Amino acid sequence: MNRIGRGTKDEKSVLTELRERIGSDHMTYWVAWKYAPDLLPKKYATFNELKDNYAAIRNAKITERDCDKFLYYTKVQNAVKWLLKKQRGARMIELYRLWYEAAKTDANALKEFMKLQDEFFKSDELSELQSILKNVDTEEKEEEYEMEL
């Protein structure tokens, strides 16, 4: 069974993707610790615990305050946004499951579930539509639309 931080043969692990987006091990471990500690094999209560367990951070000779400044880097900001979007997707799936269970016995929950369902799947439909339209040539060619009088 895969842990959440590990990939499958078809998809990279979240940590691998973060590493590729950020380009640095010590920044990657800090981001994971700060924003998605469940990606790490062990929970670290403090930055010093993290530093003691990861040579990349220890060898960089940086403090937690130094790491907080990583958020000024565009690549780190983009990676954190990507990670938060992934987390939002996972939370939406869990919320969908909870509302589904509640909707089985509660009419008000059913109403809210239907609203959630519309919103939940709308983004996927929009993404599919955007993918299709991405390859459409929108440049009009005048000669194709000329009418003879």
Protein backbone atom coordinates (compact mmCIF):
# COMPACT_ATOMS: atom_id res chain seq x y z
CA MET A 1 0.00 0.00 0.00
CA ASN A 2 1.36 3.44 -0.91
CA ARG A 3 1.79 6.15 1.66
CA ILE A 4 0.55 9.54 0.54
CA GLY A 5 4.08 10.83 -0.06
CA ARG A 6 4.93 8.02 -2.47
CA GLY A 7 3.99 7.91 -6.11
CA THR A 8 2.63 5.14 -8.23
CA LYS A 9 3.92 3.93 -11.56
CA ASP A 10 1.51 6.36 -13.25
CA GLU A 11 1.95 9.44 -11.07
CA LYS A 12 4.81 11.16 -9.27
CA SER A 13 4.71 11.45 -5.51
CA VAL A 14 3.64 14.79 -4.12
CA LEU A 15 7.11 15.24 -2.59
CA THR A 16 8.77 14.50 -5.92
CA GLU A 17 6.52 17.01 -7.67
CA LEU A 18 7.25 19.62 -4.97
CA ARG A 19 10.98 18.98 -5.32
CA GLU A 20 10.81 19.48 -9.07
CA ARG A 21 8.79 22.66 -8.71
CA ILE A 22 11.01 24.15 -6.00
CA GLY A 23 14.39 22.81 -7.10
CA SER A 24 15.86 22.38 -3.62
CA ASP A 25 15.64 19.61 -1.03
CA HIS A 26 15.84 21.85 2.03
CA MET A 27 13.09 24.14 0.72
CA THR A 28 10.95 21.13 -0.23
CA TYR A 29 11.17 19.56 3.23
CA TRP A 30 10.38 22.90 4.87
CA VAL A 31 7.31 23.42 2.66
CA ALA A 32 6.12 19.88 3.37
CA TRP A 33 6.65 20.35 7.12
CA LYS A 34 4.91 23.73 7.14
CA TYR A 35 1.96 23.03 4.83
CA ALA A 36 1.56 19.24 4.54
CA PRO A 37 3.27 17.46 7.42
CA ASP A 38 1.42 14.25 6.60
CA LEU A 39 3.68 13.91 3.52
CA LEU A 40 6.70 13.33 5.73
CA PRO A 41 7.26 9.85 7.18
CA LYS A 42 7.22 11.22 10.73
CA LYS A 43 5.59 14.19 12.48
CA TYR A 44 8.02 16.88 13.60
CA ALA A 45 6.70 19.26 16.24
CA THR A 46 9.43 21.86 15.78
CA PHE A 47 11.71 23.13 13.09
CA ASN A 48 14.70 21.88 15.08
CA GLU A 49 13.29 18.34 15.02
CA LEU A 50 12.89 18.62 11.25
CA LYS A 51 16.42 19.99 10.90
CA ASP A 52 17.86 17.19 13.06
CA ASN A 53 16.27 14.57 10.79
CA TYR A 54 17.04 16.04 7.36
CA ALA A 55 20.65 16.59 6.36
CA ALA A 56 19.56 18.86 3.51
CA ILE A 57 18.28 21.40 6.04
CA ARG A 58 21.05 20.80 8.56
CA ASN A 59 23.75 21.17 5.88
CA ALA A 60 22.18 24.36 4.53
CA LYS A 61 22.83 25.91 7.97
CA ILE A 62 19.57 27.82 7.97
CA THR A 63 17.14 28.84 10.66
CA GLU A 64 13.36 28.67 10.67
CA ARG A 65 13.33 32.42 10.11
CA ASP A 66 15.49 31.93 7.00
CA CYS A 67 13.04 29.32 5.77
CA ASP A 68 10.08 31.64 6.28
CA LYS A 69 11.72 33.94 3.74
CA PHE A 70 11.46 31.19 1.11
CA LEU A 71 7.89 32.37 0.60
CA TYR A 72 9.27 35.42 -1.19
CA TYR A 73 10.57 33.18 -3.98
CA THR A 74 8.16 32.83 -6.89
CA LYS A 75 8.95 29.15 -7.37
CA VAL A 76 8.15 28.44 -3.71
CA GLN A 77 4.94 30.48 -3.87
CA ASN A 78 3.85 28.57 -6.97
CA ALA A 79 4.69 25.23 -5.37
CA VAL A 80 2.77 26.09 -2.19
CA LYS A 81 -0.24 27.19 -4.27
CA TRP A 82 -0.07 23.91 -6.19
CA LEU A 83 0.12 21.96 -2.91
CA LEU A 84 -2.81 23.88 -1.39
CA LYS A 85 -4.85 23.19 -4.52
CA LYS A 86 -4.10 19.47 -4.16
CA GLN A 87 -5.14 19.61 -0.50
CA ARG A 88 -8.33 21.46 -1.43
CA GLY A 89 -9.20 18.70 -3.88
CA ALA A 90 -8.71 16.05 -1.20
CA ARG A 91 -10.83 18.04 1.26
CA MET A 92 -13.59 18.49 -1.32
CA ILE A 93 -13.69 14.73 -1.89
CA GLU A 94 -13.99 14.12 1.86
CA LEU A 95 -16.67 16.81 2.17
CA TYR A 96 -18.55 15.28 -0.74
CA ARG A 97 -18.50 11.89 1.02
CA LEU A 98 -19.72 13.38 4.32
CA TRP A 99 -22.58 15.28 2.67
CA TYR A 100 -23.55 12.18 0.72
CA GLU A 101 -23.85 10.17 3.92
CA ALA A 102 -25.87 12.94 5.62
CA ALA A 103 -28.12 13.33 2.55
CA LYS A 104 -29.33 9.76 2.89
CA THR A 105 -31.36 10.65 5.98
CA ASP A 106 -31.77 14.44 6.01
CA ALA A 107 -33.72 16.47 3.43
CA ASN A 108 -31.78 19.67 4.21
CA ALA A 109 -28.50 17.82 3.84
CA LEU A 110 -29.75 16.48 0.51
CA LYS A 111 -30.42 20.02 -0.69
CA GLU A 112 -26.93 21.13 0.34
CA PHE A 113 -25.43 17.99 -1.17
CA MET A 114 -27.04 18.81 -4.51
CA LYS A 115 -25.54 22.32 -4.40
CA LEU A 116 -22.15 20.90 -3.47
CA GLN A 117 -22.38 18.33 -6.23
CA ASP A 118 -23.02 21.02 -8.84
CA GLU A 119 -20.01 23.03 -7.64
CA PHE A 120 -17.81 19.96 -7.13
CA PHE A 121 -18.14 18.70 -10.68
CA LYS A 122 -18.40 22.11 -12.37
CA SER A 123 -14.65 22.72 -12.19
CA ASP A 124 -13.93 19.35 -13.85
CA GLU A 125 -16.37 20.09 -16.65
CA LEU A 126 -14.84 23.52 -17.14
CA SER A 127 -11.35 22.01 -17.26
CA GLU A 128 -12.48 19.47 -19.86
CA LEU A 129 -14.05 22.25 -21.94
CA GLN A 130 -10.90 24.36 -21.61
CA SER A 131 -8.81 21.40 -22.79
CA ILE A 132 -10.99 20.98 -25.86
CA LEU A 133 -11.04 24.69 -26.67
CA LYS A 134 -7.30 25.03 -26.13
CA ASN A 135 -6.61 23.49 -29.53
CA VAL A 136 -9.33 25.33 -31.42
CA ASP A 137 -8.08 27.87 -33.93
CA THR A 138 -10.05 31.03 -33.24
CA GLU A 139 -8.47 33.08 -35.99
CA GLU A 140 -11.19 33.81 -38.50
CA LYS A 141 -10.22 33.53 -42.09
CA GLU A 142 -12.02 36.16 -44.11
CA GLU A 143 -12.05 34.25 -47.35
CA GLU A 144 -14.00 31.41 -45.78
CA TYR A 145 -16.83 33.72 -44.77
CA GLU A 146 -17.15 35.92 -47.82
CA MET A 147 -20.57 35.99 -49.34
CA GLU A 148 -21.26 36.47 -52.99
CA LEU A 149 -23.77 39.14 -53.83
